[in-house]
Amino acid sequence: MKKPLKSILDYIILTLIVSIAIILILLFNGNKYFQQITIIGMSILYIVWGVLHHLKEKTLQTQIVLEYVLFALLGNLIVIGLLK
């Protein structure tokens, strides 16, 4: 199945969000507070990205939003737990 150019652009934006978050985490090495803020901010952007992506695709459902929220929460717990 071919993805339209708009979908590919969506995934490029998601990749940029995650890449910037990783760079910021590395830049804030040693400052746990800013690292945690960066991780939480990236998780919020991930949820917003997911909702907007599925709105554009016209596939948004409550279960999908819940999935994005739970994955973001799980990611937060794992990464922040590893930083402590």
PDB file of N, CA and C in Angstrom:
ATOM      1  N   MET A   1       0.845  -1.175   0.000  1.00  0.00           N
ATOM      2  CA  MET A   1       0.000   0.000   0.000  1.00  0.00           C
ATOM      3  C   MET A   1       0.889   1.237   0.000  1.00  0.00           C
ATOM      4  N   LYS A   2       0.641   2.135  -0.938  1.00  0.00           N
ATOM      5  CA  LYS A   2       1.418   3.363  -1.028  1.00  0.00           C
ATOM      6  C   LYS A   2       0.870   4.399  -0.056  1.00  0.00           C
ATOM      7  N   LYS A   3       1.793   5.065   0.629  1.00  0.00           N
ATOM      8  CA  LYS A   3       1.409   6.156   1.521  1.00  0.00           C
ATOM      9  C   LYS A   3       1.452   7.458   0.721  1.00  0.00           C
ATOM     10  N   PRO A   4       0.427   8.285   0.875  1.00  0.00           N
ATOM     11  CA  PRO A   4       0.477   9.586   0.200  1.00  0.00           C
ATOM     12  C   PRO A   4       1.561  10.468   0.810  1.00  0.00           C
ATOM     13  N   LEU A   5       1.948  11.471   0.060  1.00  0.00           N
ATOM     14  CA  LEU A   5       3.020  12.371   0.484  1.00  0.00           C
ATOM     15  C   LEU A   5       2.706  13.044   1.814  1.00  0.00           C
ATOM     16  N   LYS A   6       1.433  13.346   2.077  1.00  0.00           N
ATOM     17  CA  LYS A   6       1.051  13.975   3.343  1.00  0.00           C
ATOM     18  C   LYS A   6       1.365  13.074   4.529  1.00  0.00           C
ATOM     19  N   SER A   7       1.127  11.780   4.390  1.00  0.00           N
ATOM     20  CA  SER A   7       1.426  10.840   5.474  1.00  0.00           C
ATOM     21  C   SER A   7       2.920  10.749   5.716  1.00  0.00           C
ATOM     22  N   ILE A   8       3.694  10.745   4.650  1.00  0.00           N
ATOM     23  CA  ILE A   8       5.142  10.697   4.795  1.00  0.00           C
ATOM     24  C   ILE A   8       5.634  11.950   5.506  1.00  0.00           C
ATOM     25  N   LEU A   9       5.066  13.084   5.169  1.00  0.00           N
ATOM     26  CA  LEU A   9       5.423  14.336   5.840  1.00  0.00           C
ATOM     27  C   LEU A   9       5.077  14.273   7.325  1.00  0.00           C
ATOM     28  N   ASP A  10       3.955  13.665   7.665  1.00  0.00           N
ATOM     29  CA  ASP A  10       3.584  13.486   9.077  1.00  0.00           C
ATOM     30  C   ASP A  10       4.651  12.700   9.822  1.00  0.00           C
ATOM     31  N   TYR A  11       5.132  11.625   9.224  1.00  0.00           N
ATOM     32  CA  TYR A  11       6.138  10.794   9.885  1.00  0.00           C
ATOM     33  C   TYR A  11       7.491  11.496   9.960  1.00  0.00           C
ATOM     34  N   ILE A  12       7.796  12.337   8.999  1.00  0.00           N
ATOM     35  CA  ILE A  12       9.021  13.138   9.069  1.00  0.00           C
ATOM     36  C   ILE A  12       8.930  14.114  10.237  1.00  0.00           C
ATOM     37  N   ILE A  13       7.763  14.709  10.434  1.00  0.00           N
ATOM     38  CA  ILE A  13       7.564  15.625  11.560  1.00  0.00           C
ATOM     39  C   ILE A  13       7.720  14.878  12.880  1.00  0.00           C
ATOM     40  N   LEU A  14       7.155  13.686  12.985  1.00  0.00           N
ATOM     41  CA  LEU A  14       7.309  12.892  14.201  1.00  0.00           C
ATOM     42  C   LEU A  14       8.774  12.544  14.450  1.00  0.00           C
ATOM     43  N   THR A  15       9.488  12.199  13.394  1.00  0.00           N
ATOM     44  CA  THR A  15      10.909  11.892  13.526  1.00  0.00           C
ATOM     45  C   THR A  15      11.690  13.113  14.008  1.00  0.00           C
ATOM     46  N   LEU A  16      11.343  14.284  13.507  1.00  0.00           N
ATOM     47  CA  LEU A  16      12.004  15.517  13.960  1.00  0.00           C
ATOM     48  C   LEU A  16      11.710  15.798  15.435  1.00  0.00           C
ATOM     49  N   ILE A  17      10.475  15.586  15.860  1.00  0.00           N
ATOM     50  CA  ILE A  17      10.113  15.797  17.263  1.00  0.00           C
ATOM     51  C   ILE A  17      10.946  14.899  18.169  1.00  0.00           C
ATOM     52  N   VAL A  18      11.028  13.638  17.834  1.00  0.00           N
ATOM     53  CA  VAL A  18      11.785  12.684  18.649  1.00  0.00           C
ATOM     54  C   VAL A  18      13.277  12.997  18.599  1.00  0.00           C
ATOM     55  N   SER A  19      13.793  13.357  17.426  1.00  0.00           N
ATOM     56  CA  SER A  19      15.215  13.681  17.292  1.00  0.00           C
ATOM     57  C   SER A  19      15.591  14.904  18.119  1.00  0.00           C
ATOM     58  N   ILE A  20      14.758  15.929  18.075  1.00  0.00           N
ATOM     59  CA  ILE A  20      15.023  17.137  18.865  1.00  0.00           C
ATOM     60  C   ILE A  20      14.976  16.816  20.351  1.00  0.00           C
ATOM     61  N   ALA A  21      14.047  15.971  20.755  1.00  0.00           N
ATOM     62  CA  ALA A  21      13.958  15.585  22.166  1.00  0.00           C
ATOM     63  C   ALA A  21      15.216  14.841  22.601  1.00  0.00           C
ATOM     64  N   ILE A  22      15.709  13.947  21.767  1.00  0.00           N
ATOM     65  CA  ILE A  22      16.931  13.211  22.105  1.00  0.00           C
ATOM     66  C   ILE A  22      18.113  14.163  22.223  1.00  0.00           C
ATOM     67  N   ILE A  23      18.233  15.100  21.304  1.00  0.00           N
ATOM     68  CA  ILE A  23      19.321  16.078  21.357  1.00  0.00           C
ATOM     69  C   ILE A  23      19.220  16.920  22.625  1.00  0.00           C
ATOM     70  N   LEU A  24      18.002  17.354  22.976  1.00  0.00           N
ATOM     71  CA  LEU A  24      17.831  18.150  24.190  1.00  0.00           C
ATOM     72  C   LEU A  24      18.168  17.348  25.447  1.00  0.00           C
ATOM     73  N   ILE A  25      17.801  16.086  25.470  1.00  0.00           N
ATOM     74  CA  ILE A  25      18.133  15.238  26.619  1.00  0.00           C
ATOM     75  C   ILE A  25      19.646  15.121  26.761  1.00  0.00           C
ATOM     76  N   LEU A  26      20.338  14.976  25.639  1.00  0.00           N
ATOM     77  CA  LEU A  26      21.794  14.892  25.687  1.00  0.00           C
ATOM     78  C   LEU A  26      22.421  16.222  26.091  1.00  0.00           C
ATOM     79  N   LEU A  27      21.845  17.334  25.626  1.00  0.00           N
ATOM     80  CA  LEU A  27      22.362  18.654  26.000  1.00  0.00           C
ATOM     81  C   LEU A  27      22.156  18.946  27.481  1.00  0.00           C
ATOM     82  N   PHE A  28      21.058  18.474  28.038  1.00  0.00           N
ATOM     83  CA  PHE A  28      20.756  18.700  29.449  1.00  0.00           C
ATOM     84  C   PHE A  28      21.327  17.592  30.334  1.00  0.00           C
ATOM     85  N   ASN A  29      22.355  16.912  29.859  1.00  0.00           N
ATOM     86  CA  ASN A  29      22.968  15.837  30.617  1.00  0.00           C
ATOM     87  C   ASN A  29      23.411  16.352  31.994  1.00  0.00           C
ATOM     88  N   GLY A  30      22.943  15.691  33.036  1.00  0.00           N
ATOM     89  CA  GLY A  30      23.282  16.114  34.391  1.00  0.00           C
ATOM     90  C   GLY A  30      22.193  16.936  35.047  1.00  0.00           C
ATOM     91  N   ASN A  31      21.266  17.473  34.268  1.00  0.00           N
ATOM     92  CA  ASN A  31      20.168  18.264  34.827  1.00  0.00           C
ATOM     93  C   ASN A  31      18.875  17.464  34.665  1.00  0.00           C
ATOM     94  N   LYS A  32      18.561  16.675  35.672  1.00  0.00           N
ATOM     95  CA  LYS A  32      17.418  15.754  35.606  1.00  0.00           C
ATOM     96  C   LYS A  32      16.091  16.488  35.397  1.00  0.00           C
ATOM     97  N   TYR A  33      15.951  17.673  36.007  1.00  0.00           N
ATOM     98  CA  TYR A  33      14.697  18.422  35.893  1.00  0.00           C
ATOM     99  C   TYR A  33      14.405  18.769  34.436  1.00  0.00           C
ATOM    100  N   PHE A  34      15.384  19.340  33.718  1.00  0.00           N
ATOM    101  CA  PHE A  34      15.166  19.714  32.318  1.00  0.00           C
ATOM    102  C   PHE A  34      15.004  18.488  31.428  1.00  0.00           C
ATOM    103  N   GLN A  35      15.683  17.397  31.770  1.00  0.00           N
ATOM    104  CA  GLN A  35      15.504  16.174  31.008  1.00  0.00           C
ATOM    105  C   GLN A  35      14.073  15.654  31.160  1.00  0.00           C
ATOM    106  N   GLN A  36      13.551  15.691  32.384  1.00  0.00           N
ATOM    107  CA  GLN A  36      12.179  15.231  32.609  1.00  0.00           C
ATOM    108  C   GLN A  36      11.169  16.121  31.895  1.00  0.00           C
ATOM    109  N   ILE A  37      11.397  17.438  31.942  1.00  0.00           N
ATOM    110  CA  ILE A  37      10.510  18.367  31.225  1.00  0.00           C
ATOM    111  C   ILE A  37      10.543  18.076  29.726  1.00  0.00           C
ATOM    112  N   THR A  38      11.720  17.799  29.195  1.00  0.00           N
ATOM    113  CA  THR A  38      11.855  17.484  27.769  1.00  0.00           C
ATOM    114  C   THR A  38      11.090  16.207  27.414  1.00  0.00           C
ATOM    115  N   ILE A  39      11.216  15.195  28.257  1.00  0.00           N
ATOM    116  CA  ILE A  39      10.533  13.919  28.002  1.00  0.00           C
ATOM    117  C   ILE A  39       9.020  14.094  28.064  1.00  0.00           C
ATOM    118  N   ILE A  40       8.539  14.816  29.062  1.00  0.00           N
ATOM    119  CA  ILE A  40       7.097  15.051  29.185  1.00  0.00           C
ATOM    120  C   ILE A  40       6.586  15.874  28.009  1.00  0.00           C
ATOM    121  N   GLY A  41       7.357  16.897  27.623  1.00  0.00           N
ATOM    122  CA  GLY A  41       6.968  17.717  26.470  1.00  0.00           C
ATOM    123  C   GLY A  41       6.912  16.912  25.189  1.00  0.00           C
ATOM    124  N   MET A  42       7.895  16.022  24.993  1.00  0.00           N
ATOM    125  CA  MET A  42       7.888  15.179  23.804  1.00  0.00           C
ATOM    126  C   MET A  42       6.687  14.240  23.809  1.00  0.00           C
ATOM    127  N   SER A  43       6.335  13.734  24.977  1.00  0.00           N
ATOM    128  CA  SER A  43       5.183  12.833  25.075  1.00  0.00           C
ATOM    129  C   SER A  43       3.885  13.564  24.733  1.00  0.00           C
ATOM    130  N   ILE A  44       3.766  14.783  25.195  1.00  0.00           N
ATOM    131  CA  ILE A  44       2.572  15.579  24.872  1.00  0.00           C
ATOM    132  C   ILE A  44       2.513  15.850  23.366  1.00  0.00           C
ATOM    133  N   LEU A  45       3.656  16.211  22.787  1.00  0.00           N
ATOM    134  CA  LEU A  45       3.687  16.424  21.332  1.00  0.00           C
ATOM    135  C   LEU A  45       3.371  15.148  20.564  1.00  0.00           C
ATOM    136  N   TYR A  46       3.801  14.009  21.085  1.00  0.00           N
ATOM    137  CA  TYR A  46       3.510  12.716  20.459  1.00  0.00           C
ATOM    138  C   TYR A  46       1.999  12.456  20.449  1.00  0.00           C
ATOM    139  N   ILE A  47       1.344  12.742  21.566  1.00  0.00           N
ATOM    140  CA  ILE A  47      -0.105  12.545  21.644  1.00  0.00           C
ATOM    141  C   ILE A  47      -0.818  13.490  20.677  1.00  0.00           C
ATOM    142  N   VAL A  48      -0.410  14.757  20.682  1.00  0.00           N
ATOM    143  CA  VAL A  48      -1.028  15.745  19.786  1.00  0.00           C
ATOM    144  C   VAL A  48      -0.793  15.346  18.322  1.00  0.00           C
ATOM    145  N   TRP A  49       0.436  14.917  18.021  1.00  0.00           N
ATOM    146  CA  TRP A  49       0.737  14.479  16.660  1.00  0.00           C
ATOM    147  C   TRP A  49      -0.167  13.319  16.252  1.00  0.00           C
ATOM    148  N   GLY A  50      -0.336  12.345  17.147  1.00  0.00           N
ATOM    149  CA  GLY A  50      -1.165  11.180  16.846  1.00  0.00           C
ATOM    150  C   GLY A  50      -2.610  11.556  16.578  1.00  0.00           C
ATOM    151  N   VAL A  51      -3.136  12.441  17.413  1.00  0.00           N
ATOM    152  CA  VAL A  51      -4.532  12.873  17.234  1.00  0.00           C
ATOM    153  C   VAL A  51      -4.691  13.618  15.913  1.00  0.00           C
ATOM    154  N   LEU A  52      -3.771  14.550  15.635  1.00  0.00           N
ATOM    155  CA  LEU A  52      -3.866  15.310  14.380  1.00  0.00           C
ATOM    156  C   LEU A  52      -3.694  14.399  13.166  1.00  0.00           C
ATOM    157  N   HIS A  53      -2.782  13.453  13.255  1.00  0.00           N
ATOM    158  CA  HIS A  53      -2.552  12.519  12.144  1.00  0.00           C
ATOM    159  C   HIS A  53      -3.821  11.713  11.852  1.00  0.00           C
ATOM    160  N   HIS A  54      -4.458  11.206  12.901  1.00  0.00           N
ATOM    161  CA  HIS A  54      -5.655  10.398  12.683  1.00  0.00           C
ATOM    162  C   HIS A  54      -6.862  11.256  12.308  1.00  0.00           C
ATOM    163  N   LEU A  55      -6.883  12.507  12.736  1.00  0.00           N
ATOM    164  CA  LEU A  55      -7.939  13.413  12.271  1.00  0.00           C
ATOM    165  C   LEU A  55      -7.827  13.620  10.760  1.00  0.00           C
ATOM    166  N   LYS A  56      -6.586  13.838  10.287  1.00  0.00           N
ATOM    167  CA  LYS A  56      -6.392  14.028   8.843  1.00  0.00           C
ATOM    168  C   LYS A  56      -6.731  12.767   8.064  1.00  0.00           C
ATOM    169  N   GLU A  57      -6.431  11.607   8.640  1.00  0.00           N
ATOM    170  CA  GLU A  57      -6.715  10.333   7.975  1.00  0.00           C
ATOM    171  C   GLU A  57      -8.183   9.920   8.136  1.00  0.00           C
ATOM    172  N   LYS A  58      -8.911  10.661   8.982  1.00  0.00           N
ATOM    173  CA  LYS A  58     -10.315  10.359   9.288  1.00  0.00           C
ATOM    174  C   LYS A  58     -10.470   8.973   9.911  1.00  0.00           C
ATOM    175  N   THR A  59      -9.518   8.625  10.802  1.00  0.00           N
ATOM    176  CA  THR A  59      -9.554   7.333  11.478  1.00  0.00           C
ATOM    177  C   THR A  59      -9.492   7.496  12.994  1.00  0.00           C
ATOM    178  N   LEU A  60      -9.793   8.672  13.483  1.00  0.00           N
ATOM    179  CA  LEU A  60      -9.676   8.935  14.924  1.00  0.00           C
ATOM    180  C   LEU A  60     -10.803   8.252  15.684  1.00  0.00           C
ATOM    181  N   GLN A  61     -10.403   7.479  16.702  1.00  0.00           N
ATOM    182  CA  GLN A  61     -11.346   6.811  17.596  1.00  0.00           C
ATOM    183  C   GLN A  61     -10.828   6.961  19.018  1.00  0.00           C
ATOM    184  N   THR A  62     -11.709   6.766  19.974  1.00  0.00           N
ATOM    185  CA  THR A  62     -11.332   6.867  21.381  1.00  0.00           C
ATOM    186  C   THR A  62     -10.224   5.882  21.729  1.00  0.00           C
ATOM    187  N   GLN A  63     -10.288   4.683  21.189  1.00  0.00           N
ATOM    188  CA  GLN A  63      -9.275   3.667  21.481  1.00  0.00           C
ATOM    189  C   GLN A  63      -7.894   4.103  20.981  1.00  0.00           C
ATOM    190  N   ILE A  64      -7.867   4.789  19.865  1.00  0.00           N
ATOM    191  CA  ILE A  64      -6.593   5.247  19.305  1.00  0.00           C
ATOM    192  C   ILE A  64      -5.984   6.316  20.196  1.00  0.00           C
ATOM    193  N   VAL A  65      -6.806   7.255  20.660  1.00  0.00           N
ATOM    194  CA  VAL A  65      -6.319   8.304  21.562  1.00  0.00           C
ATOM    195  C   VAL A  65      -5.807   7.675  22.857  1.00  0.00           C
ATOM    196  N   LEU A  66      -6.556   6.717  23.384  1.00  0.00           N
ATOM    197  CA  LEU A  66      -6.135   6.026  24.602  1.00  0.00           C
ATOM    198  C   LEU A  66      -4.807   5.298  24.383  1.00  0.00           C
ATOM    199  N   GLU A  67      -4.640   4.705  23.229  1.00  0.00           N
ATOM    200  CA  GLU A  67      -3.388   4.019  22.920  1.00  0.00           C
ATOM    201  C   GLU A  67      -2.213   4.996  22.914  1.00  0.00           C
ATOM    202  N   TYR A  68      -2.376   6.154  22.286  1.00  0.00           N
ATOM    203  CA  TYR A  68      -1.308   7.159  22.268  1.00  0.00           C
ATOM    204  C   TYR A  68      -0.982   7.646  23.686  1.00  0.00           C
ATOM    205  N   VAL A  69      -2.016   7.877  24.482  1.00  0.00           N
ATOM    206  CA  VAL A  69      -1.802   8.338  25.862  1.00  0.00           C
ATOM    207  C   VAL A  69      -1.071   7.268  26.674  1.00  0.00           C
ATOM    208  N   LEU A  70      -1.485   6.028  26.557  1.00  0.00           N
ATOM    209  CA  LEU A  70      -0.848   4.955  27.331  1.00  0.00           C
ATOM    210  C   LEU A  70       0.595   4.702  26.885  1.00  0.00           C
ATOM    211  N   PHE A  71       0.863   4.748  25.591  1.00  0.00           N
ATOM    212  CA  PHE A  71       2.233   4.587  25.131  1.00  0.00           C
ATOM    213  C   PHE A  71       3.113   5.753  25.584  1.00  0.00           C
ATOM    214  N   ALA A  72       2.570   6.964  25.560  1.00  0.00           N
ATOM    215  CA  ALA A  72       3.333   8.118  26.040  1.00  0.00           C
ATOM    216  C   ALA A  72       3.632   7.983  27.533  1.00  0.00           C
ATOM    217  N   LEU A  73       2.644   7.549  28.303  1.00  0.00           N
ATOM    218  CA  LEU A  73       2.839   7.354  29.736  1.00  0.00           C
ATOM    219  C   LEU A  73       3.867   6.256  30.004  1.00  0.00           C
ATOM    220  N   LEU A  74       3.765   5.156  29.283  1.00  0.00           N
ATOM    221  CA  LEU A  74       4.734   4.069  29.441  1.00  0.00           C
ATOM    222  C   LEU A  74       6.140   4.539  29.077  1.00  0.00           C
ATOM    223  N   GLY A  75       6.257   5.276  27.991  1.00  0.00           N
ATOM    224  CA  GLY A  75       7.563   5.816  27.594  1.00  0.00           C
ATOM    225  C   GLY A  75       8.133   6.741  28.646  1.00  0.00           C
ATOM    226  N   ASN A  76       7.265   7.598  29.214  1.00  0.00           N
ATOM    227  CA  ASN A  76       7.713   8.492  30.295  1.00  0.00           C
ATOM    228  C   ASN A  76       8.235   7.701  31.473  1.00  0.00           C
ATOM    229  N   LEU A  77       7.493   6.722  31.906  1.00  0.00           N
ATOM    230  CA  LEU A  77       7.897   5.929  33.060  1.00  0.00           C
ATOM    231  C   LEU A  77       9.214   5.214  32.825  1.00  0.00           C
ATOM    232  N   ILE A  78       9.386   4.651  31.655  1.00  0.00           N
ATOM    233  CA  ILE A  78      10.610   3.915  31.356  1.00  0.00           C
ATOM    234  C   ILE A  78      11.811   4.857  31.269  1.00  0.00           C
ATOM    235  N   VAL A  79      11.694   5.925  30.484  1.00  0.00           N
ATOM    236  CA  VAL A  79      12.843   6.806  30.269  1.00  0.00           C
ATOM    237  C   VAL A  79      13.192   7.576  31.547  1.00  0.00           C
ATOM    238  N   ILE A  80      12.205   8.121  32.225  1.00  0.00           N
ATOM    239  CA  ILE A  80      12.493   8.857  33.459  1.00  0.00           C
ATOM    240  C   ILE A  80      13.033   7.895  34.518  1.00  0.00           C
ATOM    241  N   GLY A  81      12.519   6.685  34.552  1.00  0.00           N
ATOM    242  CA  GLY A  81      13.047   5.680  35.477  1.00  0.00           C
ATOM    243  C   GLY A  81      14.496   5.338  35.188  1.00  0.00           C
ATOM    244  N   LEU A  82      14.872   5.293  33.911  1.00  0.00           N
ATOM    245  CA  LEU A  82      16.255   5.011  33.546  1.00  0.00           C
ATOM    246  C   LEU A  82      17.189   6.171  33.881  1.00  0.00           C
ATOM    247  N   LEU A  83      16.665   7.388  33.891  1.00  0.00           N
ATOM    248  CA  LEU A  83      17.492   8.547  34.181  1.00  0.00           C
ATOM    249  C   LEU A  83      17.791   8.720  35.675  1.00  0.00           C
ATOM    250  N   LYS A  84      17.014   8.070  36.515  1.00  0.00           N
ATOM    251  CA  LYS A  84      17.222   8.244  37.967  1.00  0.00           C
ATOM    252  C   LYS A  84      18.359   7.415  38.481  1.00  0.00           C
TER     253      LYS A  84
END
